[in-house]
Protein backbone atom coordinates (compact mmCIF):
# COMPACT_ATOMS: atom_id res chain seq x y z
CA MET A 1 89.02 83.90 149.69
CA SER A 2 89.33 80.21 150.26
CA LEU A 3 91.22 79.13 153.36
CA TYR A 4 91.58 75.43 154.07
CA VAL A 5 93.04 74.36 157.42
CA ASP A 6 93.48 70.73 158.50
CA ILE A 7 96.19 70.57 161.15
CA GLN A 8 97.37 68.93 164.35
CA LYS A 9 99.78 70.39 166.88
CA ARG A 10 100.90 69.23 170.32
CA LEU A 11 102.20 71.78 172.82
CA GLY A 12 102.96 70.03 176.11
CA ASP A 13 99.65 68.69 177.44
CA PHE A 14 97.65 70.68 174.90
CA PHE A 15 96.65 69.05 171.62
CA LEU A 16 95.18 71.03 168.72
CA ASP A 17 93.18 69.14 166.11
CA VAL A 18 91.35 71.52 163.76
CA SER A 19 89.83 71.07 160.32
CA LEU A 20 87.88 73.91 158.72
CA GLU A 21 87.36 75.79 155.48
CA THR A 22 86.27 79.41 155.01
CA LYS A 23 84.93 81.12 151.89
CA GLY A 24 85.57 84.82 152.39
CA GLY A 25 84.28 87.69 154.51
CA ILE A 26 85.05 87.83 158.22
CA SER A 27 85.30 84.38 159.79
CA GLY A 28 85.58 84.03 163.54
CA LEU A 29 87.40 81.64 165.85
CA LEU A 30 85.41 81.70 169.09
CA GLY A 31 86.17 79.88 172.31
CA ALA A 32 87.21 80.19 175.94
CA SER A 33 90.78 80.99 176.97
CA GLY A 34 93.05 78.05 176.23
CA SER A 35 90.74 76.56 173.59
CA GLY A 36 93.33 76.84 170.81
CA LYS A 37 92.17 79.97 168.99
CA SER A 38 95.48 81.84 168.97
CA VAL A 39 97.50 78.68 168.28
CA THR A 40 95.36 78.05 165.19
CA LEU A 41 95.90 81.64 164.07
CA MET A 42 99.68 81.40 164.56
CA CYS A 43 99.79 78.16 162.58
CA VAL A 44 97.95 79.85 159.69
CA ALA A 45 100.30 82.85 159.85
CA GLY A 46 103.43 80.67 159.92
CA ILE A 47 104.54 81.64 163.43
CA VAL A 48 103.93 78.11 164.78
CA LYS A 49 104.61 75.01 162.69
CA PRO A 50 101.95 72.25 162.91
CA ASP A 51 103.02 68.63 163.44
CA LYS A 52 100.71 67.33 160.71
CA GLY A 53 98.29 68.53 158.06
CA LYS A 54 97.82 71.20 155.42
CA ILE A 55 97.07 74.91 155.15
CA ILE A 56 95.98 76.23 151.74
CA LEU A 57 95.08 79.87 150.98
CA ASN A 58 93.40 80.72 147.67
CA GLY A 59 94.78 77.51 146.14
CA ARG A 60 98.34 78.28 147.29
CA ILE A 61 99.90 75.76 149.67
CA LEU A 62 101.24 77.50 152.78
CA PHE A 63 101.96 74.32 154.71
CA ASP A 64 101.96 70.63 153.85
CA ALA A 65 103.64 68.30 156.33
CA GLU A 66 103.81 65.33 153.95
CA ARG A 67 105.35 67.38 151.13
CA HIS A 68 107.64 69.30 153.49
CA ILE A 69 106.23 72.67 152.46
CA ASN A 70 106.31 75.39 155.10
CA LEU A 71 106.32 78.94 153.75
CA THR A 72 107.78 81.65 155.97
CA PRO A 73 105.41 84.28 157.46
CA GLN A 74 106.74 86.78 154.89
CA GLN A 75 105.99 84.43 151.99
CA ARG A 76 102.42 83.75 153.13
CA ARG A 77 101.11 87.29 152.47
CA ILE A 78 99.12 87.34 155.70
CA GLY A 79 98.65 90.51 157.73
CA TYR A 80 98.73 89.71 161.44
CA LEU A 81 97.26 92.18 163.96
CA PHE A 82 98.37 91.27 167.49
CA GLN A 83 96.41 91.98 170.67
CA ASN A 84 98.73 94.82 171.66
CA TYR A 85 99.06 96.03 168.02
CA ALA A 86 102.90 95.54 168.16
CA LEU A 87 103.72 99.11 167.15
CA PHE A 88 107.35 100.17 167.51
CA PRO A 89 107.18 102.51 170.53
CA HIS A 90 110.10 104.75 169.50
CA MET A 91 108.91 105.17 165.91
CA THR A 92 106.42 107.77 164.75
CA VAL A 93 103.11 106.92 163.10
CA LYS A 94 104.69 107.57 159.70
CA GLN A 95 107.71 105.39 160.44
CA ASN A 96 105.53 102.55 161.73
CA ILE A 97 103.38 102.59 158.59
CA LEU A 98 106.44 102.71 156.33
CA CYS A 99 107.49 99.37 157.83
CA GLY A 100 104.58 97.86 155.92
CA LEU A 101 106.00 99.27 152.69
CA TYR A 102 109.51 97.88 153.14
CA SER A 103 109.32 95.86 149.89
CA GLU A 104 108.40 98.91 147.76
CA LYS A 105 111.67 100.24 146.28
CA ASP A 106 110.23 103.20 144.35
CA LYS A 107 110.52 106.11 146.81
CA LEU A 108 107.92 108.28 145.07
CA LYS A 109 105.39 105.44 144.91
CA LYS A 110 106.08 104.57 148.56
CA GLU A 111 105.44 108.18 149.62
CA ARG A 112 102.25 108.33 147.54
CA LEU A 113 100.92 105.09 149.05
CA LEU A 114 101.80 106.33 152.52
CA HIS A 115 99.80 109.53 152.13
CA GLU A 116 96.84 107.73 150.53
CA MET A 117 96.62 105.29 153.43
CA ILE A 118 96.97 108.01 156.06
CA GLU A 119 94.06 109.86 154.46
CA LEU A 120 91.91 106.74 154.14
CA MET A 121 92.50 105.70 157.75
CA GLN A 122 91.85 109.21 159.11
CA LEU A 123 95.34 109.58 160.57
CA SER A 124 96.18 112.98 159.06
CA GLY A 125 97.96 115.22 161.54
CA LEU A 126 99.23 112.29 163.59
CA GLU A 127 102.18 111.38 161.36
CA ALA A 128 104.81 112.65 163.84
CA HIS A 129 103.15 111.20 166.94
CA LEU A 130 104.62 108.26 168.85
CA PRO A 131 102.34 105.31 169.76
CA GLY A 132 102.32 106.40 173.41
CA GLN A 133 100.73 109.69 172.36
CA LEU A 134 97.80 107.97 170.61
CA SER A 135 94.47 106.70 171.90
CA GLY A 136 93.71 102.98 171.75
CA GLY A 137 91.57 103.49 168.65
CA GLN A 138 94.28 105.49 166.90
CA GLN A 139 96.88 102.83 167.73
CA GLN A 140 94.66 100.17 166.21
CA ARG A 141 94.18 102.21 163.03
CA VAL A 142 97.95 102.71 162.70
CA ALA A 143 98.54 98.97 163.15
CA LEU A 144 95.86 98.13 160.56
CA THR A 145 97.28 100.71 158.16
CA ARG A 146 100.75 99.20 158.45
CA ILE A 147 99.32 95.76 157.66
CA LEU A 148 97.09 96.92 154.79
CA THR A 149 99.92 98.76 153.02
CA GLY A 150 101.51 95.36 152.43
CA ASP A 151 98.38 94.29 150.46
CA PRO A 152 97.96 90.92 152.25
CA ASP A 153 95.82 88.10 150.89
CA LEU A 154 94.34 87.51 154.36
CA LEU A 155 94.07 89.50 157.58
CA VAL A 156 94.29 87.69 160.89
CA LEU A 157 93.17 89.65 163.94
CA ASP A 158 94.01 88.23 167.38
CA GLU A 159 91.65 89.66 170.05
CA PRO A 160 91.97 93.15 168.49
CA PHE A 161 89.65 94.84 171.01
CA SER A 162 90.60 93.02 174.22
CA ALA A 163 92.78 95.82 175.64
CA LEU A 164 90.15 98.54 175.17
CA ASP A 165 87.45 99.75 177.56
CA SER A 166 83.86 98.76 176.77
CA HIS A 167 82.81 102.10 175.23
CA LEU A 168 85.83 102.30 172.91
CA ARG A 169 85.56 98.60 172.08
CA SER A 170 81.98 99.00 170.88
CA SER A 171 82.70 102.01 168.66
CA LEU A 172 85.86 100.43 167.20
CA GLN A 173 84.03 97.23 166.30
CA VAL A 174 81.70 99.24 164.06
CA GLU A 175 84.60 101.25 162.62
CA THR A 176 86.73 98.16 161.97
CA LYS A 177 83.90 96.37 160.19
CA LYS A 178 83.47 99.35 157.87
CA LEU A 179 87.23 99.55 157.21
CA LEU A 180 87.48 95.86 156.35
CA ALA A 181 84.48 96.13 154.03
CA ARG A 182 86.05 99.18 152.34
CA PHE A 183 89.32 97.39 151.63
CA GLY A 184 87.63 94.11 150.75
CA LYS A 185 90.09 92.08 152.81
CA ASP A 186 89.04 88.63 153.93
CA THR A 187 89.65 88.22 157.63
CA LEU A 188 90.13 85.57 160.28
CA LEU A 189 89.20 86.98 163.69
CA VAL A 190 90.02 85.42 167.06
CA THR A 191 87.80 86.43 169.95
CA HIS A 192 86.29 85.16 173.19
CA SER A 193 83.55 87.82 173.06
CA LEU A 194 80.12 86.59 171.98
CA GLY A 195 78.92 90.06 171.03
CA GLU A 196 82.06 90.74 169.01
CA ALA A 197 81.76 87.47 167.11
CA TYR A 198 78.03 87.98 166.44
CA GLN A 199 78.45 91.56 165.19
CA LEU A 200 81.54 91.09 163.04
CA CYS A 201 81.62 87.52 161.71
CA SER A 202 79.56 85.96 158.95
CA LYS A 203 80.67 82.48 160.02
CA ILE A 204 82.09 81.13 163.28
CA ALA A 205 84.33 78.18 164.11
CA LEU A 206 83.80 77.19 167.74
CA LEU A 207 86.82 75.69 169.55
CA ASP A 208 86.85 73.80 172.83
CA ARG A 209 90.06 72.37 174.35
CA GLY A 210 91.79 72.16 170.99
CA LYS A 211 88.87 70.61 169.13
CA LEU A 212 86.55 72.15 166.55
CA ILE A 213 83.04 71.49 167.88
CA ALA A 214 81.02 73.64 165.46
CA HIS A 215 81.54 75.63 162.25
CA GLN A 216 78.39 77.36 161.06
CA GLU A 217 76.88 80.60 159.82
CA THR A 218 76.84 82.96 162.80
CA LYS A 219 73.07 83.32 163.24
CA GLU A 220 72.55 79.62 162.63
CA LEU A 221 75.09 78.74 165.33
CA PHE A 222 73.44 80.96 167.93
CA ASP A 223 69.93 79.80 166.98
CA ASP A 224 70.79 76.10 166.89
CA PRO A 225 74.14 75.24 168.55
CA GLN A 226 73.36 71.47 168.45
CA SER A 227 75.54 70.47 171.44
CA LYS A 228 75.71 71.32 175.16
CA GLN A 229 79.22 72.72 174.89
CA ALA A 230 78.38 74.85 171.85
CA ALA A 231 75.27 76.18 173.62
CA LEU A 232 77.37 77.04 176.68
CA LEU A 233 80.08 78.77 174.63
CA THR A 234 77.47 80.83 172.76
CA GLY A 235 76.14 82.15 176.06
CA CYS A 236 73.11 79.97 176.84
CA LYS A 237 72.44 80.25 180.59
CA ASN A 238 69.77 77.55 180.86
CA ILE A 239 70.95 74.08 179.82
CA VAL A 240 69.27 71.02 181.33
CA GLY A 241 69.12 67.29 180.66
CA ALA A 242 66.17 66.14 178.55
CA LYS A 243 64.71 63.04 176.91
CA LYS A 244 62.78 62.56 173.70
CA ALA A 245 59.06 62.17 174.44
CA GLY A 246 57.70 62.31 170.90
CA GLU A 247 58.46 63.62 167.45
CA HIS A 248 57.98 67.18 168.71
CA ALA A 249 58.12 66.70 172.47
CA VAL A 250 60.76 66.49 175.20
CA ASP A 251 60.64 65.63 178.90
CA VAL A 252 62.73 67.75 181.27
CA PRO A 253 62.86 65.71 184.53
CA ALA A 254 64.89 68.24 186.55
CA TRP A 255 62.33 70.97 185.86
CA GLY A 256 59.32 68.64 186.23
CA ILE A 257 57.83 69.67 182.88
CA HIS A 258 57.65 68.75 179.21
CA PHE A 259 58.03 71.02 176.20
CA THR A 260 56.64 70.99 172.69
CA THR A 261 59.33 71.72 170.10
CA ALA A 262 59.20 73.22 166.62
CA THR A 263 62.03 71.01 165.34
CA PRO A 264 61.68 67.21 165.21
CA VAL A 265 63.53 65.53 168.09
CA ARG A 266 66.23 62.93 167.37
CA ASP A 267 66.73 59.83 169.50
CA ASP A 268 70.20 60.92 170.67
CA LEU A 269 68.91 64.02 172.49
CA VAL A 270 70.78 64.65 175.77
CA ALA A 271 69.67 68.15 176.78
CA ILE A 272 67.82 71.29 175.82
CA GLY A 273 68.81 74.93 176.04
CA VAL A 274 66.61 77.97 176.57
CA ARG A 275 68.25 81.37 176.27
CA ALA A 276 67.58 83.75 179.14
CA ARG A 277 65.62 86.20 176.98
CA TYR A 278 63.32 83.57 175.45
CA PHE A 279 60.82 83.30 178.32
CA GLU A 280 57.63 85.32 177.96
CA ALA A 281 54.93 86.21 180.50
CA ASN A 282 52.23 86.41 177.81
CA SER A 283 53.20 83.30 175.80
CA GLU A 284 50.51 80.59 175.79
CA GLN A 285 52.88 77.89 174.53
CA ASN A 286 54.95 75.70 176.86
CA ARG A 287 53.41 77.65 179.75
CA PHE A 288 53.88 76.46 183.33
CA ALA A 289 53.59 77.74 186.89
CA VAL A 290 56.74 79.41 188.26
CA ARG A 291 57.95 81.21 191.38
CA LEU A 292 60.62 83.85 191.84
CA ALA A 293 63.82 82.69 193.58
CA ASP A 294 66.01 85.80 193.30
CA GLU A 295 66.16 89.17 191.56
CA ILE A 296 69.40 90.83 190.42
CA GLU A 297 69.17 94.38 189.11
CA GLY A 298 71.60 95.59 186.45
CA PRO A 299 71.91 99.05 184.90
CA PHE A 300 69.58 98.23 181.98
CA GLU A 301 67.93 94.88 182.79
CA TYR A 302 66.83 92.49 185.48
CA ASN A 303 68.22 89.00 185.95
CA LEU A 304 65.27 87.12 187.43
CA GLN A 305 66.08 83.69 188.86
CA PHE A 306 63.01 81.44 188.97
CA ARG A 307 61.91 77.84 189.51
CA TYR A 308 59.10 75.71 188.09
CA GLU A 309 56.45 74.49 190.48
CA ASN A 310 57.59 70.84 190.33
CA GLN A 311 61.30 71.49 189.83
CA LEU A 312 63.68 69.16 191.68
CA ALA A 313 65.29 70.68 194.76
CA GLU A 314 68.81 69.98 193.50
CA ALA A 315 68.18 71.58 190.09
CA GLN A 316 69.67 75.02 189.49
CA ASP A 317 67.54 78.16 189.36
CA ILE A 318 66.54 79.24 185.84
CA CYS A 319 67.62 82.59 184.45
CA TRP A 320 65.19 85.02 182.82
CA ILE A 321 66.70 88.33 181.62
CA ILE A 322 64.25 91.14 180.95
CA PRO A 323 64.85 94.80 179.99
CA LYS A 324 63.87 97.24 182.72
CA GLU A 325 61.21 98.91 180.59
CA LYS A 326 59.40 95.58 180.15
CA LYS A 327 59.20 94.71 183.84
CA ARG A 328 55.65 95.31 185.02
CA GLY A 329 54.31 94.76 188.53
CA GLN A 330 54.79 91.50 190.37
CA PHE A 331 56.59 88.44 189.05
CA PRO A 332 54.16 86.44 186.85
CA ALA A 333 52.59 83.25 188.15
CA GLU A 334 53.31 81.48 184.85
CA LEU A 335 55.90 81.75 182.07
CA GLY A 336 55.87 80.35 178.55
CA VAL A 337 58.44 79.81 175.81
CA ALA A 338 57.86 79.40 172.08
CA PRO A 339 58.54 75.91 170.66
CA ALA A 340 60.99 77.46 168.17
CA ASN A 341 63.07 78.73 171.10
CA ILE A 342 63.69 75.27 172.57
CA MET A 343 67.21 74.40 171.44
CA LEU A 344 67.76 70.67 171.03
CA LEU A 345 71.22 69.52 172.13
CA TYR A 346 72.76 66.21 171.14
CA LYS A 347 75.78 64.06 171.95
């Protein structure tokens, strides 16, 4: 798949300005609520018309403002899975799936395709059930089946797990990834969940207040977000102002320390980020005296708030998250962090 999106859209006080290109697999749109994720998705699907720009899918122009091209949602061959799955509540599972086969006129072929998809999606025995009689996972499979029967060129999934409880959400993420791989459908996934994006997406576009602030391979984005806002949106809990102090050195005035870095430091450095799990009691690198400020116990881990010995009074406590099985004895007198785990953040 090749999806090219370069669009602008104003909705009241909100202004969307996004330019990105994907090359297949599962690509994610990640961002906080109101960042423009769903608006971007609706523009791609043809539900919302951009003010300017182009949208091209596999070389086929879906939208071009200058050339006055704006294909209808039906013409775009895009399967759209809404947050609530949008099943018809008074139709059975079979009837809902048949809606995806509306363009197939051959009755025998339609029936054959219906039964094949029901078998593949493990919905056998549920054909006569109404959506209200199904679990959340079954509803999602029915909605995906209805979309896939139309053989779309692209799937767009808008927060597909948001309405599910945490246990069901986790199991369905694994199941959905397998299903998408089985059908070989390229997918654009909207989510605000870091774990969901990391597990499912090969590449992530990061949106903030209508602007694209990063578009990278998933692991690369989490390892090196490059900006303060990208670090924040990828879950970094420790972000602090910093200055270049050498080719591989930074000063952190608020913490009263300096760090050695693995990556060369650019002159336009504004901050560093250290993820909460990167601190180590036995690390000899970037090791400084610390004291415990607070301890918050969770079901599987401890959130240990600490401060450096010379940290400024107005500076926030630093977060260290440690699995329960690794917590031993008293809080350590010193903590270190590997140079490779100092994330350099720029303007």
